[in-house]
C-alpha atoms as a PDB file:
ATOM      1  CA  MET A   1     148.659  40.104  88.026  1.00  0.00           C
ATOM      2  CA  THR A   2     149.779  38.021  84.039  1.00  0.00           C
ATOM      3  CA  SER A   3     152.605  39.145  82.296  1.00  0.00           C
ATOM      4  CA  ASP A   4     150.165  41.094  79.955  1.00  0.00           C
ATOM      5  CA  SER A   5     148.392  43.171  82.215  1.00  0.00           C
ATOM      6  CA  ILE A   6     147.522  46.076  81.012  1.00  0.00           C
ATOM      7  CA  VAL A   7     149.620  49.223  81.856  1.00  0.00           C
ATOM      8  CA  VAL A   8     147.393  51.775  83.650  1.00  0.00           C
ATOM      9  CA  VAL A   9     147.886  55.136  82.132  1.00  0.00           C
ATOM     10  CA  ASN A  10     146.995  58.255  84.034  1.00  0.00           C
ATOM     11  CA  THR A  11     144.559  57.092  86.071  1.00  0.00           C
ATOM     12  CA  GLY A  12     145.985  58.441  88.940  1.00  0.00           C
ATOM     13  CA  SER A  13     145.462  61.979  88.513  1.00  0.00           C
ATOM     14  CA  GLY A  14     143.442  62.598  85.091  1.00  0.00           C
ATOM     15  CA  LEU A  15     141.594  59.905  85.202  1.00  0.00           C
ATOM     16  CA  THR A  16     140.049  59.910  89.165  1.00  0.00           C
ATOM     17  CA  ARG A  17     139.974  63.647  89.439  1.00  0.00           C
ATOM     18  CA  ALA A  18     137.469  62.880  86.134  1.00  0.00           C
ATOM     19  CA  LEU A  19     135.039  60.509  87.448  1.00  0.00           C
ATOM     20  CA  ALA A  20     135.040  62.635  90.800  1.00  0.00           C
ATOM     21  CA  ASN A  21     133.949  65.553  88.483  1.00  0.00           C
ATOM     22  CA  SER A  22     130.878  64.071  87.114  1.00  0.00           C
ATOM     23  CA  ALA A  23     129.972  61.769  89.918  1.00  0.00           C
ATOM     24  CA  GLU A  24     129.639  65.738  91.187  1.00  0.00           C
ATOM     25  CA  VAL A  25     128.149  66.648  88.767  1.00  0.00           C
ATOM     26  CA  VAL A  26     125.272  63.771  88.573  1.00  0.00           C
ATOM     27  CA  GLU A  27     125.412  63.817  92.316  1.00  0.00           C
ATOM     28  CA  SER A  28     123.674  67.243  92.081  1.00  0.00           C
ATOM     29  CA  THR A  29     121.357  66.481  88.704  1.00  0.00           C
ATOM     30  CA  LEU A  30     120.359  63.394  90.897  1.00  0.00           C
ATOM     31  CA  ASP A  31     119.551  65.665  93.780  1.00  0.00           C
ATOM     32  CA  TYR A  32     117.282  68.054  91.375  1.00  0.00           C
ATOM     33  CA  LEU A  33     115.644  65.438  89.389  1.00  0.00           C
ATOM     34  CA  LEU A  34     113.937  63.213  92.873  1.00  0.00           C
ATOM     35  CA  PRO A  35     113.158  66.265  95.205  1.00  0.00           C
ATOM     36  CA  ILE A  36     110.688  65.072  98.024  1.00  0.00           C
ATOM     37  CA  PRO A  37     107.173  65.810  97.662  1.00  0.00           C
ATOM     38  CA  GLU A  38     104.568  66.986 100.715  1.00  0.00           C
ATOM     39  CA  GLY A  39     102.085  64.396 101.796  1.00  0.00           C
ATOM     40  CA  ALA A  40     102.714  60.718 102.925  1.00  0.00           C
ATOM     41  CA  GLU A  41     104.470  59.454  99.572  1.00  0.00           C
ATOM     42  CA  ALA A  42     107.437  61.361 100.793  1.00  0.00           C
ATOM     43  CA  ARG A  43     108.589  58.304 102.350  1.00  0.00           C
ATOM     44  CA  LEU A  44     108.653  56.985  99.043  1.00  0.00           C
ATOM     45  CA  ALA A  45     110.594  59.153  97.701  1.00  0.00           C
ATOM     46  CA  GLU A  46     113.039  59.258 100.946  1.00  0.00           C
ATOM     47  CA  ALA A  47     113.820  55.872  99.609  1.00  0.00           C
ATOM     48  CA  MET A  48     113.816  56.342  96.713  1.00  0.00           C
ATOM     49  CA  ARG A  49     117.124  59.151  97.441  1.00  0.00           C
ATOM     50  CA  TYR A  50     118.208  56.194  98.925  1.00  0.00           C
ATOM     51  CA  ALA A  51     118.664  53.754  96.724  1.00  0.00           C
ATOM     52  CA  THR A  52     120.126  56.749  94.525  1.00  0.00           C
ATOM     53  CA  LEU A  53     122.537  59.298  96.554  1.00  0.00           C
ATOM     54  CA  GLY A  54     125.872  59.151  97.639  1.00  0.00           C
ATOM     55  CA  GLY A  55     127.882  56.076  96.558  1.00  0.00           C
ATOM     56  CA  GLY A  56     128.413  53.662  93.842  1.00  0.00           C
ATOM     57  CA  LYS A  57     131.273  54.763  91.653  1.00  0.00           C
ATOM     58  CA  ARG A  58     128.539  56.197  88.652  1.00  0.00           C
ATOM     59  CA  LEU A  59     130.431  54.648  86.033  1.00  0.00           C
ATOM     60  CA  ARG A  60     127.748  54.491  83.691  1.00  0.00           C
ATOM     61  CA  ALA A  61     127.127  58.075  84.332  1.00  0.00           C
ATOM     62  CA  PHE A  62     130.263  58.513  83.451  1.00  0.00           C
ATOM     63  CA  LEU A  63     130.507  56.495  79.964  1.00  0.00           C
ATOM     64  CA  VAL A  64     128.124  58.862  79.233  1.00  0.00           C
ATOM     65  CA  MET A  65     129.506  62.248  80.102  1.00  0.00           C
ATOM     66  CA  GLN A  66     132.705  60.535  78.637  1.00  0.00           C
ATOM     67  CA  THR A  67     130.993  59.611  75.262  1.00  0.00           C
ATOM     68  CA  ALA A  68     128.772  63.011  74.959  1.00  0.00           C
ATOM     69  CA  SER A  69     131.421  64.951  75.313  1.00  0.00           C
ATOM     70  CA  LEU A  70     132.809  63.101  71.792  1.00  0.00           C
ATOM     71  CA  PHE A  71     130.582  64.963  69.875  1.00  0.00           C
ATOM     72  CA  SER A  72     130.353  68.471  72.171  1.00  0.00           C
ATOM     73  CA  VAL A  73     126.647  67.615  73.501  1.00  0.00           C
ATOM     74  CA  SER A  74     125.677  70.192  76.806  1.00  0.00           C
ATOM     75  CA  GLU A  75     126.534  69.206  79.956  1.00  0.00           C
ATOM     76  CA  THR A  76     123.378  69.807  81.502  1.00  0.00           C
ATOM     77  CA  CYS A  77     121.755  67.986  78.718  1.00  0.00           C
ATOM     78  CA  ALA A  78     124.287  64.688  78.789  1.00  0.00           C
ATOM     79  CA  ALA A  79     124.176  64.793  82.814  1.00  0.00           C
ATOM     80  CA  ARG A  80     120.088  64.402  83.044  1.00  0.00           C
ATOM     81  CA  VAL A  81     120.404  61.353  80.896  1.00  0.00           C
ATOM     82  CA  ALA A  82     122.963  59.630  82.764  1.00  0.00           C
ATOM     83  CA  ALA A  83     121.348  60.119  86.169  1.00  0.00           C
ATOM     84  CA  SER A  84     118.378  58.347  84.538  1.00  0.00           C
ATOM     85  CA  ILE A  85     121.088  55.272  83.750  1.00  0.00           C
ATOM     86  CA  GLU A  86     121.697  56.067  88.043  1.00  0.00           C
ATOM     87  CA  MET A  87     117.992  56.201  89.316  1.00  0.00           C
ATOM     88  CA  LEU A  88     118.432  52.704  86.095  1.00  0.00           C
ATOM     89  CA  HIS A  89     121.254  51.537  87.747  1.00  0.00           C
ATOM     90  CA  ALA A  90     119.765  52.024  91.565  1.00  0.00           C
ATOM     91  CA  TYR A  91     116.343  50.492  91.008  1.00  0.00           C
ATOM     92  CA  SER A  92     118.063  47.274  89.299  1.00  0.00           C
ATOM     93  CA  LEU A  93     120.684  47.177  93.083  1.00  0.00           C
ATOM     94  CA  VAL A  94     116.901  47.671  95.014  1.00  0.00           C
ATOM     95  CA  HIS A  95     115.579  44.857  94.006  1.00  0.00           C
ATOM     96  CA  ASP A  96     117.774  42.790  93.562  1.00  0.00           C
ATOM     97  CA  ASP A  97     119.414  43.136  97.543  1.00  0.00           C
ATOM     98  CA  LEU A  98     115.151  42.366  98.126  1.00  0.00           C
ATOM     99  CA  PRO A  99     115.095  38.862  99.920  1.00  0.00           C
ATOM    100  CA  ALA A 100     113.696  37.184  97.001  1.00  0.00           C
ATOM    101  CA  MET A 101     116.802  37.507  94.085  1.00  0.00           C
ATOM    102  CA  ASP A 102     120.383  38.156  96.055  1.00  0.00           C
ATOM    103  CA  ASP A 103     118.769  38.351  99.639  1.00  0.00           C
ATOM    104  CA  ASP A 104     121.794  40.810 100.230  1.00  0.00           C
ATOM    105  CA  ASP A 105     122.055  43.971 103.885  1.00  0.00           C
ATOM    106  CA  LEU A 106     124.606  45.243 102.368  1.00  0.00           C
ATOM    107  CA  ARG A 107     124.720  47.882  99.395  1.00  0.00           C
ATOM    108  CA  ARG A 108     127.707  50.406  98.394  1.00  0.00           C
ATOM    109  CA  GLY A 109     128.827  50.080 102.450  1.00  0.00           C
ATOM    110  CA  LYS A 110     125.281  50.741 104.210  1.00  0.00           C
ATOM    111  CA  PRO A 111     122.615  48.524 104.891  1.00  0.00           C
ATOM    112  CA  SER A 112     119.990  47.925 101.405  1.00  0.00           C
ATOM    113  CA  THR A 113     117.254  49.792 100.963  1.00  0.00           C
ATOM    114  CA  HIS A 114     115.106  46.834 102.218  1.00  0.00           C
ATOM    115  CA  LYS A 115     117.009  47.313 104.970  1.00  0.00           C
ATOM    116  CA  ALA A 116     117.119  50.754 106.095  1.00  0.00           C
ATOM    117  CA  PHE A 117     113.057  51.016 105.231  1.00  0.00           C
ATOM    118  CA  ASP A 118     111.231  47.549 104.623  1.00  0.00           C
ATOM    119  CA  GLU A 119     110.880  44.990 102.076  1.00  0.00           C
ATOM    120  CA  ALA A 120     107.472  46.995 100.447  1.00  0.00           C
ATOM    121  CA  THR A 121     109.300  49.968 100.382  1.00  0.00           C
ATOM    122  CA  ALA A 122     111.854  48.532  98.066  1.00  0.00           C
ATOM    123  CA  ILE A 123     109.996  47.582  96.514  1.00  0.00           C
ATOM    124  CA  LEU A 124     107.782  50.713  95.044  1.00  0.00           C
ATOM    125  CA  ALA A 125     111.548  52.238  95.266  1.00  0.00           C
ATOM    126  CA  GLY A 126     112.561  50.422  92.806  1.00  0.00           C
ATOM    127  CA  ASP A 127     109.582  50.446  90.619  1.00  0.00           C
ATOM    128  CA  ALA A 128     108.935  53.952  90.673  1.00  0.00           C
ATOM    129  CA  LEU A 129     113.165  55.034  89.816  1.00  0.00           C
ATOM    130  CA  GLN A 130     111.614  52.717  87.079  1.00  0.00           C
ATOM    131  CA  CYS A 131     109.244  55.228  85.842  1.00  0.00           C
ATOM    132  CA  ARG A 132     111.306  58.222  86.307  1.00  0.00           C
ATOM    133  CA  ALA A 133     114.263  56.642  84.974  1.00  0.00           C
ATOM    134  CA  PHE A 134     112.049  56.865  81.433  1.00  0.00           C
ATOM    135  CA  GLU A 135     110.177  60.109  82.465  1.00  0.00           C
ATOM    136  CA  VAL A 136     113.859  61.934  82.527  1.00  0.00           C
ATOM    137  CA  LEU A 137     114.465  61.465  79.085  1.00  0.00           C
ATOM    138  CA  ALA A 138     111.660  61.651  77.688  1.00  0.00           C
ATOM    139  CA  GLU A 139     111.536  65.179  78.720  1.00  0.00           C
ATOM    140  CA  PRO A 140     112.007  68.258  76.087  1.00  0.00           C
ATOM    141  CA  ASP A 141     115.071  69.187  78.831  1.00  0.00           C
ATOM    142  CA  THR A 142     117.246  66.473  78.032  1.00  0.00           C
ATOM    143  CA  HIS A 143     116.872  67.324  74.087  1.00  0.00           C
ATOM    144  CA  SER A 144     115.609  68.730  71.759  1.00  0.00           C
ATOM    145  CA  ASP A 145     115.417  66.477  69.116  1.00  0.00           C
ATOM    146  CA  PRO A 146     111.528  64.586  70.079  1.00  0.00           C
ATOM    147  CA  GLN A 147     113.759  61.624  68.026  1.00  0.00           C
ATOM    148  CA  ALA A 148     116.874  61.898  69.521  1.00  0.00           C
ATOM    149  CA  ARG A 149     114.643  60.929  73.099  1.00  0.00           C
ATOM    150  CA  CYS A 150     112.653  58.352  71.735  1.00  0.00           C
ATOM    151  CA  GLU A 151     116.233  56.790  70.727  1.00  0.00           C
ATOM    152  CA  LEU A 152     117.362  56.465  74.321  1.00  0.00           C
ATOM    153  CA  VAL A 153     113.975  55.883  75.357  1.00  0.00           C
ATOM    154  CA  ALA A 154     114.163  52.997  73.441  1.00  0.00           C
ATOM    155  CA  ALA A 155     116.903  52.056  74.140  1.00  0.00           C
ATOM    156  CA  LEU A 156     117.363  51.472  77.435  1.00  0.00           C
ATOM    157  CA  GLY A 157     113.948  49.667  77.485  1.00  0.00           C
ATOM    158  CA  ALA A 158     115.886  47.144  75.010  1.00  0.00           C
ATOM    159  CA  ALA A 159     119.176  47.290  77.348  1.00  0.00           C
ATOM    160  CA  SER A 160     117.134  47.178  80.879  1.00  0.00           C
ATOM    161  CA  GLY A 161     113.539  44.662  79.737  1.00  0.00           C
ATOM    162  CA  SER A 162     113.656  40.638  78.916  1.00  0.00           C
ATOM    163  CA  ARG A 163     115.938  41.493  76.286  1.00  0.00           C
ATOM    164  CA  GLY A 164     118.582  42.881  78.627  1.00  0.00           C
ATOM    165  CA  MET A 165     119.673  43.605  82.250  1.00  0.00           C
ATOM    166  CA  ALA A 166     116.316  41.764  83.748  1.00  0.00           C
ATOM    167  CA  GLY A 167     116.764  38.309  81.609  1.00  0.00           C
ATOM    168  CA  GLY A 168     119.878  38.221  82.382  1.00  0.00           C
ATOM    169  CA  GLN A 169     118.921  38.068  85.779  1.00  0.00           C
ATOM    170  CA  MET A 170     116.639  35.651  84.641  1.00  0.00           C
ATOM    171  CA  ILE A 171     118.943  33.286  83.420  1.00  0.00           C
ATOM    172  CA  ASP A 172     120.705  33.489  86.861  1.00  0.00           C
ATOM    173  CA  MET A 173     118.239  32.930  89.130  1.00  0.00           C
ATOM    174  CA  VAL A 174     117.406  29.713  87.294  1.00  0.00           C
ATOM    175  CA  THR A 175     121.355  28.655  86.164  1.00  0.00           C
ATOM    176  CA  GLU A 176     122.080  29.384  89.561  1.00  0.00           C
ATOM    177  CA  GLY A 177     123.858  26.362  91.407  1.00  0.00           C
ATOM    178  CA  LEU A 178     124.633  24.322  87.699  1.00  0.00           C
ATOM    179  CA  THR A 179     127.888  24.232  85.780  1.00  0.00           C
ATOM    180  CA  LEU A 180     127.283  26.580  82.792  1.00  0.00           C
ATOM    181  CA  ASP A 181     130.409  26.753  79.985  1.00  0.00           C
ATOM    182  CA  GLY A 182     132.491  29.566  78.854  1.00  0.00           C
ATOM    183  CA  PRO A 183     129.859  31.131  76.216  1.00  0.00           C
ATOM    184  CA  ALA A 184     126.278  30.219  78.801  1.00  0.00           C
ATOM    185  CA  VAL A 185     128.599  32.633  80.915  1.00  0.00           C
ATOM    186  CA  THR A 186     129.135  35.342  78.164  1.00  0.00           C
ATOM    187  CA  ARG A 187     125.984  35.248  77.397  1.00  0.00           C
ATOM    188  CA  LEU A 188     124.596  36.351  81.382  1.00  0.00           C
ATOM    189  CA  GLN A 189     126.407  38.272  82.365  1.00  0.00           C
ATOM    190  CA  ALA A 190     126.144  40.421  78.569  1.00  0.00           C
ATOM    191  CA  LEU A 191     122.741  40.840  79.290  1.00  0.00           C
ATOM    192  CA  LYS A 192     122.655  41.380  83.290  1.00  0.00           C
ATOM    193  CA  THR A 193     125.558  43.914  83.589  1.00  0.00           C
ATOM    194  CA  GLY A 194     126.945  44.993  79.903  1.00  0.00           C
ATOM    195  CA  ARG A 195     123.727  46.873  78.040  1.00  0.00           C
ATOM    196  CA  LEU A 196     123.530  48.382  80.598  1.00  0.00           C
ATOM    197  CA  ILE A 197     127.284  50.139  79.737  1.00  0.00           C
ATOM    198  CA  GLN A 198     127.229  48.945  76.152  1.00  0.00           C
ATOM    199  CA  PHE A 199     124.085  51.940  76.215  1.00  0.00           C
ATOM    200  CA  SER A 200     125.873  53.879  78.756  1.00  0.00           C
ATOM    201  CA  CYS A 201     128.237  54.280  75.922  1.00  0.00           C
ATOM    202  CA  GLU A 202     125.759  54.706  72.494  1.00  0.00           C
ATOM    203  CA  ALA A 203     123.929  57.201  75.307  1.00  0.00           C
ATOM    204  CA  GLY A 204     126.715  60.174  73.976  1.00  0.00           C
ATOM    205  CA  ALA A 205     126.188  59.204  70.415  1.00  0.00           C
ATOM    206  CA  ILE A 206     122.623  59.339  70.979  1.00  0.00           C
ATOM    207  CA  LEU A 207     122.579  62.776  72.124  1.00  0.00           C
ATOM    208  CA  GLY A 208     125.522  63.529  69.618  1.00  0.00           C
ATOM    209  CA  ARG A 209     123.682  62.332  66.726  1.00  0.00           C
ATOM    210  CA  ALA A 210     126.550  60.671  65.776  1.00  0.00           C
ATOM    211  CA  GLN A 211     127.130  58.817  62.593  1.00  0.00           C
ATOM    212  CA  SER A 212     125.735  55.614  63.135  1.00  0.00           C
ATOM    213  CA  HIS A 213     129.750  53.700  62.566  1.00  0.00           C
ATOM    214  CA  GLN A 214     130.470  55.943  65.793  1.00  0.00           C
ATOM    215  CA  ARG A 215     127.621  54.821  67.326  1.00  0.00           C
ATOM    216  CA  HIS A 216     128.749  51.007  66.845  1.00  0.00           C
ATOM    217  CA  LEU A 217     132.558  51.842  67.596  1.00  0.00           C
ATOM    218  CA  LEU A 218     130.846  52.666  70.891  1.00  0.00           C
ATOM    219  CA  ALA A 219     128.395  50.180  71.698  1.00  0.00           C
ATOM    220  CA  ALA A 220     131.719  47.777  70.831  1.00  0.00           C
ATOM    221  CA  TYR A 221     133.983  49.712  73.565  1.00  0.00           C
ATOM    222  CA  GLY A 222     131.153  48.793  75.942  1.00  0.00           C
ATOM    223  CA  ARG A 223     130.087  45.726  75.186  1.00  0.00           C
ATOM    224  CA  ASP A 224     133.643  45.023  76.412  1.00  0.00           C
ATOM    225  CA  LEU A 225     133.914  47.139  78.989  1.00  0.00           C
ATOM    226  CA  GLY A 226     130.945  46.193  80.432  1.00  0.00           C
ATOM    227  CA  ALA A 227     132.834  42.067  80.483  1.00  0.00           C
ATOM    228  CA  ALA A 228     136.075  43.327  81.659  1.00  0.00           C
ATOM    229  CA  PHE A 229     133.844  45.061  84.662  1.00  0.00           C
ATOM    230  CA  GLN A 230     131.705  42.359  85.374  1.00  0.00           C
ATOM    231  CA  ILE A 231     134.956  39.853  85.197  1.00  0.00           C
ATOM    232  CA  ALA A 232     136.892  41.739  87.642  1.00  0.00           C
ATOM    233  CA  ASP A 233     133.429  41.544  89.832  1.00  0.00           C
ATOM    234  CA  ASP A 234     133.429  37.819  90.167  1.00  0.00           C
ATOM    235  CA  LEU A 235     137.180  38.348  91.067  1.00  0.00           C
ATOM    236  CA  LEU A 236     136.206  40.750  93.765  1.00  0.00           C
ATOM    237  CA  ASP A 237     134.360  39.282  95.084  1.00  0.00           C
ATOM    238  CA  VAL A 238     136.880  35.740  95.344  1.00  0.00           C
ATOM    239  CA  GLU A 239     139.104  37.835  97.088  1.00  0.00           C
ATOM    240  CA  GLY A 240     138.163  40.756  98.030  1.00  0.00           C
ATOM    241  CA  ASP A 241     136.552  42.121 101.421  1.00  0.00           C
ATOM    242  CA  SER A 242     133.356  43.494 102.259  1.00  0.00           C
ATOM    243  CA  ALA A 243     134.263  46.360 104.031  1.00  0.00           C
ATOM    244  CA  GLU A 244     136.441  48.039 100.854  1.00  0.00           C
ATOM    245  CA  ILE A 245     134.444  47.036  97.715  1.00  0.00           C
ATOM    246  CA  GLY A 246     130.845  47.875  99.787  1.00  0.00           C
ATOM    247  CA  LYS A 247     128.953  44.289  99.762  1.00  0.00           C
ATOM    248  CA  THR A 248     129.003  40.975 100.460  1.00  0.00           C
ATOM    249  CA  ALA A 249     132.827  39.428  98.990  1.00  0.00           C
ATOM    250  CA  GLY A 250     131.956  35.755  98.508  1.00  0.00           C
ATOM    251  CA  LYS A 251     128.312  35.493  98.086  1.00  0.00           C
ATOM    252  CA  ASP A 252     128.139  34.322  94.782  1.00  0.00           C
ATOM    253  CA  VAL A 253     130.717  31.542  95.177  1.00  0.00           C
ATOM    254  CA  ALA A 254     128.639  30.597  98.175  1.00  0.00           C
ATOM    255  CA  ALA A 255     125.827  30.504  96.014  1.00  0.00           C
ATOM    256  CA  GLY A 256     127.333  28.920  93.305  1.00  0.00           C
ATOM    257  CA  LYS A 257     126.631  31.240  90.634  1.00  0.00           C
ATOM    258  CA  ALA A 258     127.795  30.733  87.167  1.00  0.00           C
ATOM    259  CA  THR A 259     130.954  33.242  86.592  1.00  0.00           C
ATOM    260  CA  MET A 260     134.023  33.167  84.557  1.00  0.00           C
ATOM    261  CA  VAL A 261     135.825  32.651  87.575  1.00  0.00           C
ATOM    262  CA  ALA A 262     134.747  28.993  87.750  1.00  0.00           C
ATOM    263  CA  VAL A 263     135.098  28.038  84.474  1.00  0.00           C
ATOM    264  CA  LEU A 264     138.292  29.746  84.236  1.00  0.00           C
ATOM    265  CA  GLY A 265     139.656  29.970  87.521  1.00  0.00           C
ATOM    266  CA  VAL A 266     141.412  33.118  89.555  1.00  0.00           C
ATOM    267  CA  GLU A 267     144.757  33.361  87.136  1.00  0.00           C
ATOM    268  CA  MET A 268     142.478  33.246  83.662  1.00  0.00           C
ATOM    269  CA  ALA A 269     139.563  34.664  83.790  1.00  0.00           C
ATOM    270  CA  ARG A 270     141.886  37.748  84.783  1.00  0.00           C
ATOM    271  CA  ALA A 271     144.165  37.675  82.201  1.00  0.00           C
ATOM    272  CA  HIS A 272     140.991  37.591  79.574  1.00  0.00           C
ATOM    273  CA  ALA A 273     139.415  41.259  81.674  1.00  0.00           C
ATOM    274  CA  ASP A 274     142.348  41.898  80.600  1.00  0.00           C
ATOM    275  CA  ALA A 275     142.387  40.858  77.078  1.00  0.00           C
ATOM    276  CA  LEU A 276     138.910  42.594  77.074  1.00  0.00           C
ATOM    277  CA  ALA A 277     140.019  45.601  78.184  1.00  0.00           C
ATOM    278  CA  LYS A 278     142.701  46.386  75.709  1.00  0.00           C
ATOM    279  CA  GLN A 279     139.845  45.316  73.157  1.00  0.00           C
ATOM    280  CA  ALA A 280     137.555  47.570  74.351  1.00  0.00           C
ATOM    281  CA  ALA A 281     139.804  50.692  74.027  1.00  0.00           C
ATOM    282  CA  ASN A 282     140.950  49.589  70.628  1.00  0.00           C
ATOM    283  CA  HIS A 283     138.213  50.508  69.650  1.00  0.00           C
ATOM    284  CA  LEU A 284     138.106  53.991  70.295  1.00  0.00           C
ATOM    285  CA  ASP A 285     140.796  54.530  67.625  1.00  0.00           C
ATOM    286  CA  GLY A 286     139.025  56.632  65.907  1.00  0.00           C
ATOM    287  CA  PHE A 287     138.456  59.320  68.200  1.00  0.00           C
ATOM    288  CA  GLY A 288     142.151  60.249  68.843  1.00  0.00           C
ATOM    289  CA  GLU A 289     142.495  62.058  71.963  1.00  0.00           C
ATOM    290  CA  LYS A 290     139.339  63.480  72.903  1.00  0.00           C
ATOM    291  CA  ALA A 291     138.723  59.130  73.587  1.00  0.00           C
ATOM    292  CA  SER A 292     141.682  59.132  76.388  1.00  0.00           C
ATOM    293  CA  LEU A 293     139.630  58.946  79.634  1.00  0.00           C
ATOM    294  CA  LEU A 294     137.747  56.848  78.390  1.00  0.00           C
ATOM    295  CA  ARG A 295     141.255  54.154  77.886  1.00  0.00           C
ATOM    296  CA  ASP A 296     141.977  54.848  80.665  1.00  0.00           C
ATOM    297  CA  LEU A 297     138.377  53.984  81.935  1.00  0.00           C
ATOM    298  CA  ALA A 298     139.491  50.364  80.525  1.00  0.00           C
ATOM    299  CA  ALA A 299     142.375  49.834  82.605  1.00  0.00           C
ATOM    300  CA  TYR A 300     140.332  50.953  85.625  1.00  0.00           C
ATOM    301  CA  VAL A 301     137.823  48.206  86.020  1.00  0.00           C
ATOM    302  CA  VAL A 302     139.652  45.591  85.747  1.00  0.00           C
ATOM    303  CA  GLN A 303     142.897  47.258  88.181  1.00  0.00           C
ATOM    304  CA  ARG A 304     140.070  48.625  90.820  1.00  0.00           C
ATOM    305  CA  ARG A 305     139.228  47.146  94.176  1.00  0.00           C
ATOM    306  CA  SER A 306     135.502  47.988  95.239  1.00  0.00           C
END
């Protein structure tokens, strides 16, 4: 760790407890929103639940819950949006693990969905999770104001489509094995990972019908947090253990993936992640103590071991 690394404040107790509480609420909401129907399609629902329930850091969900709390949004509404994002994220992981993509057999410490079921079921489960995510956002129970629901749907579509996560995945695939410079890697990761994290932060402001400058500040926080998070992920791929991180370590390096670690080296990449995390926290100055857990989260994402 470099000399100017972030000092974690309260991550051993307050943040850990808040993350666990948020995950419990969102897990319960996901369980409710993903019931198993009767009939032959039950296998699809089982695969959807397998991919979504019982694992993951729920970082994106936590961001929704915390940013929504800044504007006194009801926990029930925030949890529905958080669950929607977790469904969208789960779909991306299911498809990302397929042989046609990253071909990974391990996800969240258990067999990938296509290994637990089969490839065709995994594809359908991802498709259905994506559809369900938008369906939940559009439902009146998510927000009483139809304008807010429309904004959530449009923003998630932009964050996850060709101008966001899917576009980033495409760049990641076509540049595999190529040498990219820092700006190119930054753009790739901002689309593939950062846009969904940024949306998770903006979602709370949309739910709270916040002023535009507040939404912009939270978007900036999410953008820098997402960049720091991805660099930390790349460092774990180099330095982590598969059992600890819950997925195959060293896979990105072996595949020649473009990462900031490959561009900067381990120590400079770690310093860059720390700087981004500090910058993310600075965007929250106008929210005062209400944003203390979000500041702590910025420190946590660059020091985590899984």
